[in-house]
Amino acid sequence: MNSPLPLPAPLLFAAGERRLATLDGLARALWLGGMTNSQGSLEPRLDALADLRRDLFRGAVAAADTWPWPPAPIARALHEAIAGLDLPRYCTEQQELTDTVLMSILFHLDFIVDYVDRGASEEQALRMAIDAFVADWQEHCGQIDELVEVFGLVPDDCRHSEWDQLRGLLHSSGWQEVLRIRRLLEGLQELCRIIRGLGRSRLSEEDDAASQSVVEVMEQAIALRAESRTVRVPDMPGETRGIHRSDRIARMLPAEAMLLGHPRLRLVWHARRAERTLLSYEDDDRMTEVRLRQSPVMQPRPGTQAAKRLELGPILVCVDTSGSMQGGAEAVAKAVVLEAMRSAHAQRRPCHVFAFGGPEELIEMELGVDSAGIARVTEFLGQAFRGGTDICGPLERVIAKLEEQRWQQADLLLATAGEFGATPEIAARLAAVKRDLGLRVQGVLIADRETLGLLEVADSIYPVRDWRRHGGAHVDSPIHSHRLTAMYFPGALRSAENQAATVAGAAASAAVIAGRHQSDSVDASGDSQ
């Protein structure tokens, strides 16, 4: 049985579909506006939208006189507006923003006929539509520039077609504080470098001075080396090499000795001897000579070698929000949070912030560069610091966080004035985490001198000496060094050496009563040994 022949394509709507073929190259959001706009005719409008969409995505716009749509006066004014706003720069490789720009063009040009109906002239209506378009995109581009200035990019989930949801946040006083803190970071470049180096996900090219191991190091030295050489000693009895002329009687040939028995030729012999021309056996010997000479040699010795520094891992940030952090210290602490958020997002790693004050005053935020993260950091940076100080709560949360797989390669950044003290139990738990997991605690001292509490928990401390200037007070630190505690009170530090040398209060009292001295050996019970 023969298969039926295929039915011919229906031709009833073929002509209409051909007119709309350009829609296949446009985003669905442009279809309605492209087909119903009041300016120009359908086919040129759709072709012009496709061309303009392609050009904006590539970062350039063709001359207005080559546009098939809109009419020439509108095209020239629109081209001038697009160039003045520098929209091609914003739209380059940004398809969603490009489509939003085209939707805005269709929206504003559609109002020209409405302005004319309200009594405006054609020229006035055109100018009103273009001015409205420019006003919208001046604000939009300015907000894009602010986001790029602060975070380096526009958040992924901030759709330009839904920009109104973010516009209110970008007009808030908290966002103005974010911009101020971002400008403050320009003067804290060393702090930014330290924050970018946090984390333990991979090895960097830099040496870590804090992590050293003893290895065998080859070094150059000068040593006496024995050199032997063979020296030829002429006329020394040894190997006979041939015949030569000399005055040596013991080695002359027998033919020369025969001249002595002749009455006349004996005079020839004497003459030859005087002239050292007697035919003699030539012999010599070789002697080995040993000499000591200085020469460079490579010799091993024990030495320390720094391991490569780890970097690029998750960041945990503890920021002090106590009353002692008001003014310039508060601005620097907020800058630490913002830079940690920016660096983490630029390098695609998570960032979690603990804002701590007094007991039970702990706020946790995971800061990603998305609309929710921007809202959280804007709210946080817009607040004032005036709480108490309790470091134990945030350290407990940090230790608990490090037990999660996602955060095990994190480093801790602690921004504080240092006016706190951890309990011995918390300090011991933190030390165990450092030892077992390799946690590094980077302290940022926003005060004049380091404290016992900060020295106890931080592995290294970066002091912001000019923190007052960031609060508007143009004064320098009143002390010459931030290390006064370590310099003048080293025995107060809870180091391993100091703990080993510390005795219980009861034992110390018993020793004083008994008249014992420090040199006496005392056991744990306080009895003399």
Protein backbone atom coordinates (compact mmCIF):
# COMPACT_ATOMS: atom_id res chain seq x y z
CA MET A 1 0.00 0.00 0.00
CA ASN A 2 1.43 3.33 -1.02
CA SER A 3 1.98 5.93 1.72
CA PRO A 4 -0.15 9.10 1.41
CA LEU A 5 1.44 12.15 -0.09
CA PRO A 6 2.36 14.96 2.42
CA LEU A 7 -0.16 17.74 2.61
CA PRO A 8 0.97 21.11 1.28
CA ALA A 9 1.77 23.83 3.81
CA PRO A 10 -1.21 26.12 4.54
CA LEU A 11 -0.86 29.42 2.77
CA LEU A 12 -3.65 31.32 4.48
CA PHE A 13 -1.36 33.03 7.06
CA ALA A 14 1.96 32.69 5.22
CA ALA A 15 2.14 36.33 4.16
CA GLY A 16 1.40 37.60 7.67
CA GLU A 17 3.94 35.28 9.25
CA ARG A 18 6.66 36.46 6.89
CA ARG A 19 6.10 40.04 8.10
CA LEU A 20 6.75 38.88 11.69
CA ALA A 21 9.75 36.64 10.95
CA THR A 22 12.11 39.16 12.64
CA LEU A 23 10.43 38.43 15.98
CA ASP A 24 12.32 35.13 16.13
CA GLY A 25 15.52 37.10 16.80
CA LEU A 26 14.01 39.31 19.53
CA ALA A 27 13.33 38.61 23.19
CA ARG A 28 9.75 37.71 23.98
CA ALA A 29 9.44 40.84 26.14
CA LEU A 30 9.96 43.00 23.00
CA TRP A 31 7.26 41.38 20.90
CA LEU A 32 4.24 43.33 22.10
CA GLY A 33 5.93 46.72 22.13
CA GLY A 34 7.59 46.04 18.79
CA MET A 35 4.30 45.20 17.10
CA THR A 36 2.06 47.88 18.67
CA ASN A 37 4.31 50.93 18.91
CA SER A 38 2.75 54.06 17.44
CA GLN A 39 5.90 55.24 15.61
CA GLY A 40 6.60 54.01 12.06
CA SER A 41 5.48 50.84 10.32
CA LEU A 42 5.81 47.25 11.48
CA GLU A 43 8.55 45.69 9.32
CA PRO A 44 11.09 48.59 9.55
CA ARG A 45 10.46 48.82 13.30
CA LEU A 46 11.14 45.13 13.92
CA ASP A 47 14.24 45.22 11.70
CA ALA A 48 15.54 48.32 13.50
CA LEU A 49 14.97 46.72 16.92
CA ALA A 50 16.91 43.61 15.85
CA ASP A 51 19.80 45.73 14.51
CA LEU A 52 19.88 47.99 17.58
CA ARG A 53 19.75 44.98 19.89
CA ARG A 54 22.73 43.42 18.14
CA ASP A 55 24.73 46.66 18.11
CA LEU A 56 24.14 47.49 21.78
CA PHE A 57 25.14 43.98 22.81
CA ARG A 58 28.39 44.44 20.88
CA GLY A 59 29.02 47.84 22.51
CA ALA A 60 28.46 50.12 19.50
CA VAL A 61 25.58 51.84 17.72
CA ALA A 62 25.36 52.59 13.98
CA ALA A 63 24.83 56.13 12.70
CA ALA A 64 21.24 57.41 12.98
CA ASP A 65 20.87 57.98 9.24
CA THR A 66 21.21 54.21 8.66
CA TRP A 67 18.31 53.29 10.97
CA PRO A 68 15.16 52.08 9.16
CA TRP A 69 13.14 53.17 12.19
CA PRO A 70 12.07 55.50 13.84
CA PRO A 71 11.61 58.51 11.55
CA ALA A 72 14.75 60.58 10.97
CA PRO A 73 14.10 63.40 13.53
CA ILE A 74 13.32 60.87 16.26
CA ALA A 75 16.24 58.65 15.24
CA ARG A 76 18.73 61.53 15.47
CA ALA A 77 17.45 62.63 18.90
CA LEU A 78 17.44 59.05 20.19
CA HIS A 79 20.93 58.35 18.86
CA GLU A 80 22.20 61.50 20.58
CA ALA A 81 20.58 60.43 23.86
CA ILE A 82 22.05 56.91 23.68
CA ALA A 83 25.52 58.26 22.96
CA GLY A 84 25.25 60.89 25.72
CA LEU A 85 24.31 58.25 28.29
CA ASP A 86 27.06 55.92 26.99
CA LEU A 87 24.54 53.08 26.97
CA PRO A 88 26.62 50.87 24.63
CA ARG A 89 29.26 50.60 27.37
CA TYR A 90 26.70 49.37 29.89
CA CYS A 91 25.00 47.00 27.43
CA THR A 92 28.17 45.27 26.19
CA GLU A 93 27.72 41.51 26.67
CA GLN A 94 24.64 42.24 28.83
CA GLN A 95 21.65 40.83 26.95
CA GLU A 96 19.08 41.38 29.68
CA LEU A 97 20.11 45.05 30.12
CA THR A 98 20.08 45.53 26.34
CA ASP A 99 16.50 44.24 26.12
CA THR A 100 15.51 46.51 29.01
CA VAL A 101 16.91 49.53 27.14
CA LEU A 102 14.93 48.61 24.01
CA MET A 103 11.75 48.17 26.05
CA SER A 104 12.33 51.62 27.54
CA ILE A 105 12.81 53.13 24.07
CA LEU A 106 9.54 51.64 22.86
CA PHE A 107 7.76 52.80 26.02
CA HIS A 108 8.88 56.44 25.82
CA LEU A 109 8.48 56.81 22.04
CA ASP A 110 4.91 55.54 22.36
CA PHE A 111 4.08 58.64 24.45
CA ILE A 112 4.84 61.07 21.61
CA VAL A 113 1.32 60.80 20.21
CA ASP A 114 -0.12 61.29 23.71
CA TYR A 115 1.89 64.49 24.16
CA VAL A 116 0.64 65.75 20.81
CA ASP A 117 -2.97 64.95 21.78
CA ARG A 118 -2.47 67.05 24.91
CA GLY A 119 -1.52 70.08 22.81
CA ALA A 120 2.25 69.80 22.39
CA SER A 121 3.85 70.32 19.01
CA GLU A 122 5.68 67.47 17.26
CA GLU A 123 9.03 68.94 18.26
CA GLN A 124 7.96 69.50 21.87
CA ALA A 125 6.49 66.00 22.11
CA LEU A 126 9.72 64.49 20.77
CA ARG A 127 11.79 66.47 23.26
CA MET A 128 9.52 65.47 26.16
CA ALA A 129 9.80 61.77 25.28
CA ILE A 130 13.60 61.88 24.87
CA ASP A 131 14.05 63.88 28.09
CA ALA A 132 11.97 61.32 30.00
CA PHE A 133 14.07 58.49 28.55
CA VAL A 134 17.31 60.27 29.46
CA ALA A 135 16.11 61.01 33.01
CA ASP A 136 15.25 57.36 33.61
CA TRP A 137 18.57 56.06 32.36
CA GLN A 138 20.72 58.74 33.99
CA GLU A 139 19.47 57.50 37.34
CA HIS A 140 19.70 53.84 36.32
CA CYS A 141 23.27 54.18 34.99
CA GLY A 142 24.31 56.14 38.07
CA GLN A 143 23.05 53.35 40.29
CA ILE A 144 24.83 50.76 38.15
CA ASP A 145 28.05 52.78 38.55
CA GLU A 146 27.57 52.86 42.33
CA LEU A 147 27.07 49.09 42.50
CA VAL A 148 30.15 48.48 40.35
CA GLU A 149 32.17 50.93 42.47
CA VAL A 150 31.23 49.15 45.68
CA PHE A 151 31.09 45.48 44.63
CA GLY A 152 32.89 45.41 41.28
CA LEU A 153 29.77 44.21 39.42
CA VAL A 154 26.00 44.27 39.33
CA PRO A 155 24.54 41.44 41.47
CA ASP A 156 23.46 38.43 39.48
CA ASP A 157 19.90 38.39 40.77
CA CYS A 158 19.27 42.14 40.30
CA ARG A 159 17.31 41.97 37.05
CA HIS A 160 17.22 45.29 35.22
CA SER A 161 13.63 44.68 34.23
CA GLU A 162 12.81 44.60 37.97
CA TRP A 163 15.12 47.41 39.02
CA ASP A 164 12.43 49.22 41.03
CA GLN A 165 12.76 46.61 43.77
CA LEU A 166 16.37 47.71 44.34
CA ARG A 167 15.89 51.43 43.68
CA GLY A 168 14.44 52.16 47.13
CA LEU A 169 17.44 50.54 48.82
CA LEU A 170 19.90 52.54 46.70
CA HIS A 171 18.18 55.77 47.77
CA SER A 172 18.36 54.97 51.49
CA SER A 173 20.66 56.64 54.02
CA GLY A 174 22.22 53.23 54.68
CA TRP A 175 23.37 53.01 51.06
CA GLN A 176 24.96 56.45 51.37
CA GLU A 177 26.91 55.07 54.33
CA VAL A 178 27.99 52.13 52.15
CA LEU A 179 29.34 54.56 49.55
CA ARG A 180 31.18 56.52 52.24
CA ILE A 181 32.77 53.37 53.64
CA ARG A 182 33.79 52.27 50.13
CA ARG A 183 35.63 55.55 49.61
CA LEU A 184 37.29 55.12 53.01
CA LEU A 185 38.81 51.82 51.79
CA GLU A 186 40.98 53.74 49.32
CA GLY A 187 43.15 54.79 52.27
CA LEU A 188 43.36 51.28 53.79
CA GLN A 189 45.19 49.39 51.04
CA GLU A 190 47.30 47.29 53.42
CA LEU A 191 44.18 46.19 55.27
CA CYS A 192 42.58 45.22 51.95
CA ARG A 193 45.66 43.14 51.06
CA ILE A 194 45.50 41.28 54.38
CA ILE A 195 41.80 40.48 53.91
CA ARG A 196 42.37 39.16 50.38
CA GLY A 197 44.97 36.72 51.77
CA LEU A 198 42.62 35.07 54.26
CA GLY A 199 41.54 31.45 53.83
CA ARG A 200 43.33 28.11 53.50
CA SER A 201 42.02 26.54 50.30
CA ARG A 202 45.19 26.57 48.18
CA LEU A 203 48.90 27.38 48.33
CA SER A 204 50.05 30.82 47.28
CA GLU A 205 53.44 31.90 45.97
CA GLU A 206 54.28 33.79 49.18
CA ASP A 207 56.25 32.33 52.09
CA ASP A 208 54.52 32.05 55.44
CA ALA A 209 56.99 33.21 58.08
CA ALA A 210 54.76 31.86 60.85
CA SER A 211 54.92 28.31 59.49
CA GLN A 212 58.52 27.05 59.41
CA SER A 213 60.13 23.62 59.54
CA VAL A 214 63.70 22.45 60.17
CA VAL A 215 65.27 21.07 57.01
CA GLU A 216 68.76 20.32 55.74
CA VAL A 217 69.99 23.43 53.96
CA MET A 218 72.97 23.40 51.60
CA GLU A 219 75.19 26.44 51.96
CA GLN A 220 78.47 27.54 50.39
CA ALA A 221 81.62 27.47 52.52
CA ILE A 222 85.42 27.68 52.09
CA ALA A 223 87.42 24.50 52.78
CA LEU A 224 91.05 23.33 52.31
CA ARG A 225 91.15 20.74 49.59
CA ALA A 226 94.22 18.51 48.92
CA GLU A 227 95.50 18.65 45.36
CA SER A 228 98.18 16.28 44.09
CA ARG A 229 100.35 16.84 41.05
CA THR A 230 103.35 15.05 39.45
CA VAL A 231 106.54 17.15 39.21
CA ARG A 232 109.44 16.21 36.86
CA VAL A 233 112.89 16.44 38.56
CA PRO A 234 115.64 16.64 35.93
CA ASP A 235 118.96 14.78 36.51
CA MET A 236 117.52 12.84 39.42
CA PRO A 237 118.49 9.17 39.04
CA GLY A 238 115.57 7.33 37.68
CA GLU A 239 114.33 6.43 34.24
CA THR A 240 116.78 6.84 31.28
CA ARG A 241 115.11 8.89 28.64
CA GLY A 242 117.92 9.28 26.01
CA ILE A 243 121.23 11.02 25.44
CA HIS A 244 122.03 14.69 25.84
CA ARG A 245 125.04 16.92 26.44
CA SER A 246 126.06 17.82 29.97
CA ASP A 247 129.05 18.02 32.33
CA ARG A 248 128.01 15.12 34.54
CA ILE A 249 130.95 12.68 34.68
CA ALA A 250 128.93 9.91 36.36
CA ARG A 251 126.43 9.78 33.49
CA MET A 252 128.78 10.28 30.48
CA LEU A 253 128.95 7.68 27.77
CA PRO A 254 131.92 5.19 27.68
CA ALA A 255 133.05 6.74 24.39
CA GLU A 256 133.70 10.01 26.22
CA ALA A 257 135.62 8.17 28.96
CA MET A 258 137.96 6.64 26.36
CA LEU A 259 139.22 10.13 25.49
CA LEU A 260 140.88 10.38 28.88
CA GLY A 261 143.36 7.56 27.99
CA HIS A 262 144.68 9.34 24.93
CA PRO A 263 147.55 11.82 25.51
CA ARG A 264 146.09 14.48 23.20
CA LEU A 265 142.40 13.70 23.14
CA ARG A 266 142.26 14.02 26.92
CA LEU A 267 142.49 17.78 26.28
CA VAL A 268 139.37 17.51 24.10
CA TRP A 269 137.61 15.79 26.98
CA HIS A 270 138.46 18.58 29.38
CA ALA A 271 137.27 21.13 26.85
CA ARG A 272 133.96 19.33 26.39
CA ARG A 273 133.45 19.08 30.11
CA ALA A 274 134.14 22.77 30.53
CA GLU A 275 131.64 23.50 27.75
CA ARG A 276 129.17 20.97 29.20
CA THR A 277 129.00 19.13 25.91
CA LEU A 278 129.92 15.64 27.07
CA LEU A 279 127.57 13.03 25.69
CA SER A 280 125.67 11.79 28.75
CA TYR A 281 122.71 9.62 29.55
CA GLU A 282 119.58 11.75 30.09
CA ASP A 283 117.50 10.50 33.00
CA ASP A 284 114.99 12.01 35.39
CA ASP A 285 112.35 11.00 37.91
CA ARG A 286 108.81 12.21 38.76
CA MET A 287 107.74 13.16 42.24
CA THR A 288 104.11 13.50 43.45
CA GLU A 289 103.52 16.76 45.24
CA VAL A 290 100.45 17.36 47.53
CA ARG A 291 99.29 20.90 48.26
CA LEU A 292 96.32 22.30 50.26
CA ARG A 293 94.25 24.92 48.46
CA GLN A 294 91.18 26.91 49.55
CA SER A 295 88.13 26.25 47.40
CA PRO A 296 84.33 26.80 47.68
CA VAL A 297 82.30 23.75 48.70
CA MET A 298 78.61 23.06 49.46
CA GLN A 299 77.98 21.67 52.91
CA PRO A 300 74.69 20.80 54.69
CA ARG A 301 73.50 22.44 57.88
CA PRO A 302 70.20 22.44 59.82
CA GLY A 303 68.06 25.42 58.87
CA THR A 304 64.48 26.66 58.84
CA GLN A 305 62.34 26.82 55.74
CA ALA A 306 59.08 28.74 55.50
CA ALA A 307 56.13 26.90 54.02
CA LYS A 308 54.00 28.47 51.33
CA ARG A 309 51.16 30.57 52.64
CA LEU A 310 47.63 29.25 52.25
CA GLU A 311 44.97 31.58 50.86
CA LEU A 312 41.57 31.76 49.13
CA GLY A 313 39.19 30.09 51.49
CA PRO A 314 36.01 31.06 53.33
CA ILE A 315 36.14 34.14 55.54
CA LEU A 316 34.68 34.41 59.04
CA VAL A 317 34.51 37.97 60.35
CA CYS A 318 33.95 38.99 63.97
CA VAL A 319 33.36 42.74 64.25
CA ASP A 320 33.15 44.55 67.56
CA THR A 321 30.05 46.78 67.84
CA SER A 322 30.62 47.98 71.41
CA GLY A 323 30.43 51.58 72.52
CA SER A 324 34.24 51.86 72.46
CA MET A 325 34.05 51.52 68.66
CA GLN A 326 32.20 54.77 68.02
CA GLY A 327 33.61 57.44 65.73
CA GLY A 328 36.58 56.60 63.54
CA ALA A 329 36.87 53.06 64.94
CA GLU A 330 33.31 52.35 63.85
CA ALA A 331 34.05 53.53 60.30
CA VAL A 332 37.13 51.28 60.07
CA ALA A 333 35.20 48.27 61.43
CA LYS A 334 32.49 48.80 58.82
CA ALA A 335 35.20 49.06 56.14
CA VAL A 336 36.54 45.67 57.26
CA VAL A 337 33.09 44.09 56.80
CA LEU A 338 32.57 45.68 53.37
CA GLU A 339 36.02 44.71 52.09
CA ALA A 340 35.61 41.13 53.35
CA MET A 341 32.30 40.93 51.46
CA ARG A 342 33.83 42.40 48.27
CA SER A 343 36.92 40.18 48.34
CA ALA A 344 34.92 37.03 49.06
CA HIS A 345 32.56 37.65 46.17
CA ALA A 346 35.34 38.61 43.73
CA GLN A 347 37.09 35.30 44.47
CA ARG A 348 33.89 33.21 44.67
CA ARG A 349 34.16 32.22 48.33
CA PRO A 350 31.65 32.51 51.19
CA CYS A 351 31.77 35.21 53.87
CA HIS A 352 30.01 35.02 57.24
CA VAL A 353 29.92 37.96 59.69
CA PHE A 354 29.40 37.91 63.46
CA ALA A 355 28.60 41.36 64.83
CA PHE A 356 29.01 41.14 68.60
CA GLY A 357 28.35 43.44 71.50
CA GLY A 358 27.50 42.51 75.08
CA PRO A 359 26.16 39.14 76.30
CA GLU A 360 23.35 37.86 74.04
CA GLU A 361 24.08 40.70 71.58
CA LEU A 362 25.21 38.70 68.56
CA ILE A 363 24.04 39.13 64.97
CA GLU A 364 25.05 36.66 62.25
CA MET A 365 24.94 37.47 58.54
CA GLU A 366 26.13 35.55 55.51
CA LEU A 367 27.02 38.25 53.02
CA GLY A 368 26.77 37.38 49.36
CA VAL A 369 26.65 39.98 46.61
CA ASP A 370 23.01 39.51 45.76
CA SER A 371 19.96 41.64 46.47
CA ALA A 372 19.47 40.04 49.91
CA GLY A 373 23.15 40.41 50.80
CA ILE A 374 23.19 44.05 49.70
CA ALA A 375 20.14 44.73 51.82
CA ARG A 376 21.76 43.08 54.87
CA VAL A 377 25.08 44.89 54.58
CA THR A 378 23.32 48.21 53.89
CA GLU A 379 21.26 47.82 57.04
CA PHE A 380 24.31 46.83 59.08
CA LEU A 381 26.55 49.64 57.85
CA GLY A 382 23.78 52.15 58.45
CA GLN A 383 23.61 51.31 62.16
CA ALA A 384 25.57 52.91 65.01
CA PHE A 385 27.76 50.92 67.42
CA ARG A 386 26.90 51.33 71.10
CA GLY A 387 26.74 47.86 72.72
CA GLY A 388 28.84 46.07 75.31
CA THR A 389 31.71 43.63 74.66
CA ASP A 390 31.56 39.85 75.03
CA ILE A 391 34.02 37.85 72.92
CA CYS A 392 33.09 34.40 74.24
CA GLY A 393 29.76 34.19 72.40
CA PRO A 394 31.13 34.91 68.92
CA LEU A 395 34.15 32.65 69.46
CA GLU A 396 31.84 29.79 70.41
CA ARG A 397 29.85 30.36 67.22
CA VAL A 398 33.06 30.50 65.17
CA ILE A 399 34.23 27.18 66.63
CA ALA A 400 30.83 25.64 65.90
CA LYS A 401 30.95 27.02 62.34
CA LEU A 402 34.34 25.42 61.73
CA GLU A 403 32.83 22.01 62.46
CA GLU A 404 30.76 22.34 59.27
CA GLN A 405 32.39 20.98 56.12
CA ARG A 406 31.85 24.20 54.18
CA TRP A 407 33.82 26.35 56.66
CA GLN A 408 36.67 24.05 57.71
CA GLN A 409 39.20 25.93 55.55
CA ALA A 410 38.13 29.35 56.80
CA ASP A 411 40.23 31.97 58.55
CA LEU A 412 38.92 34.33 61.21
CA LEU A 413 39.20 38.11 60.91
CA LEU A 414 38.66 39.93 64.21
CA ALA A 415 38.13 43.71 64.01
CA THR A 416 38.02 45.23 67.47
CA ALA A 417 39.36 47.74 69.95
CA GLY A 418 40.46 44.75 72.03
CA GLU A 419 38.65 45.68 75.23
CA PHE A 420 37.62 42.13 76.13
CA GLY A 421 38.96 38.93 77.60
CA ALA A 422 38.15 35.34 76.72
CA THR A 423 37.63 32.81 79.49
CA PRO A 424 40.35 30.15 79.91
CA GLU A 425 37.96 27.49 78.59
CA ILE A 426 37.20 29.42 75.38
CA ALA A 427 40.88 30.30 74.91
CA ALA A 428 41.82 26.62 75.26
CA ARG A 429 39.14 25.52 72.77
CA LEU A 430 40.28 28.13 70.26
CA ALA A 431 43.90 27.03 70.66
CA ALA A 432 42.84 23.42 70.01
CA VAL A 433 41.03 24.43 66.82
CA LYS A 434 44.12 26.32 65.65
CA ARG A 435 46.26 23.27 66.31
CA ASP A 436 43.91 20.66 64.83
CA LEU A 437 42.37 22.52 61.87
CA GLY A 438 45.05 25.10 61.13
CA LEU A 439 42.75 28.07 61.86
CA ARG A 440 44.47 31.45 61.63
CA VAL A 441 43.11 34.44 63.54
CA GLN A 442 43.98 37.80 62.00
CA GLY A 443 43.37 40.65 64.40
CA VAL A 444 42.66 44.20 63.22
CA LEU A 445 43.41 46.55 66.10
CA ILE A 446 41.31 49.71 65.89
CA ALA A 447 42.73 51.33 69.01
CA ASP A 448 45.97 52.81 70.31
CA ARG A 449 47.42 49.72 71.99
CA GLU A 450 46.91 45.99 71.88
CA THR A 451 45.30 44.35 74.88
CA LEU A 452 45.79 41.06 76.70
CA GLY A 453 42.47 39.80 75.36
CA LEU A 454 43.42 40.42 71.73
CA LEU A 455 46.97 39.11 72.13
CA GLU A 456 45.58 35.89 73.55
CA VAL A 457 43.31 35.00 70.63
CA ALA A 458 45.00 36.58 67.58
CA ASP A 459 47.94 35.01 65.75
CA SER A 460 48.92 38.32 64.18
CA ILE A 461 47.66 41.86 64.68
CA TYR A 462 47.42 44.63 62.12
CA PRO A 463 47.08 48.03 63.83
CA VAL A 464 45.12 50.85 62.19
CA ARG A 465 47.10 53.64 63.81
CA ASP A 466 45.24 56.54 62.21
CA TRP A 467 41.72 55.29 63.02
CA ARG A 468 40.74 58.69 64.49
CA ARG A 469 41.21 60.39 61.11
CA HIS A 470 38.51 58.22 59.57
CA GLY A 471 36.06 59.74 62.03
CA GLY A 472 36.95 63.32 61.15
CA ALA A 473 39.43 63.97 64.01
CA HIS A 474 42.79 64.98 62.53
CA VAL A 475 44.96 63.86 65.44
CA ASP A 476 47.65 61.20 65.73
CA SER A 477 47.91 58.37 68.23
CA PRO A 478 49.15 59.65 71.63
CA ILE A 479 51.53 56.69 72.14
CA HIS A 480 54.61 55.71 70.17
CA SER A 481 53.79 52.00 69.72
CA HIS A 482 50.73 49.79 69.86
CA ARG A 483 52.80 47.01 71.49
CA LEU A 484 53.01 48.56 74.97
CA THR A 485 51.44 45.52 76.65
CA ALA A 486 53.89 43.02 75.17
CA MET A 487 56.82 45.38 75.79
CA TYR A 488 56.16 46.24 79.45
CA PHE A 489 53.94 43.42 80.73
CA PRO A 490 55.18 40.22 79.02
CA GLY A 491 54.45 38.15 82.15
CA ALA A 492 50.75 38.98 81.93
CA LEU A 493 50.30 37.09 78.65
CA ARG A 494 48.66 33.66 78.87
CA SER A 495 51.47 31.97 76.97
CA ALA A 496 52.63 28.38 77.46
CA GLU A 497 55.76 29.54 79.30
CA ASN A 498 53.83 31.80 81.62
CA GLN A 499 51.23 29.12 82.35
CA ALA A 500 53.96 26.60 83.16
CA ALA A 501 55.52 29.06 85.62
CA THR A 502 52.19 29.87 87.32
CA VAL A 503 51.27 28.18 90.63
CA ALA A 504 47.90 28.00 92.31
CA GLY A 505 46.94 30.68 94.80
CA ALA A 506 46.87 28.24 97.73
CA ALA A 507 50.34 26.96 96.87
CA ALA A 508 51.68 30.48 96.60
CA SER A 509 50.20 31.41 100.02
CA ALA A 510 51.68 28.33 101.64
CA ALA A 511 55.09 29.10 100.17
CA VAL A 512 55.03 32.65 101.55
CA ILE A 513 54.02 31.46 105.02
CA ALA A 514 56.72 28.82 104.98
CA GLY A 515 59.33 31.35 103.87
CA ARG A 516 60.21 29.48 100.69
CA HIS A 517 61.76 31.23 97.71
CA GLN A 518 61.25 30.99 93.96
CA SER A 519 64.35 28.79 93.60
CA ASP A 520 62.84 26.13 95.87
CA SER A 521 61.16 23.22 94.13
CA VAL A 522 57.46 22.96 94.97
CA ASP A 523 55.16 20.11 93.97
CA ALA A 524 51.52 20.45 93.02
CA SER A 525 50.39 20.20 96.65
CA GLY A 526 52.66 23.06 97.71
CA ASP A 527 55.18 20.89 99.66
CA SER A 528 58.89 21.48 99.26
CA GLN A 529 60.90 18.94 97.36
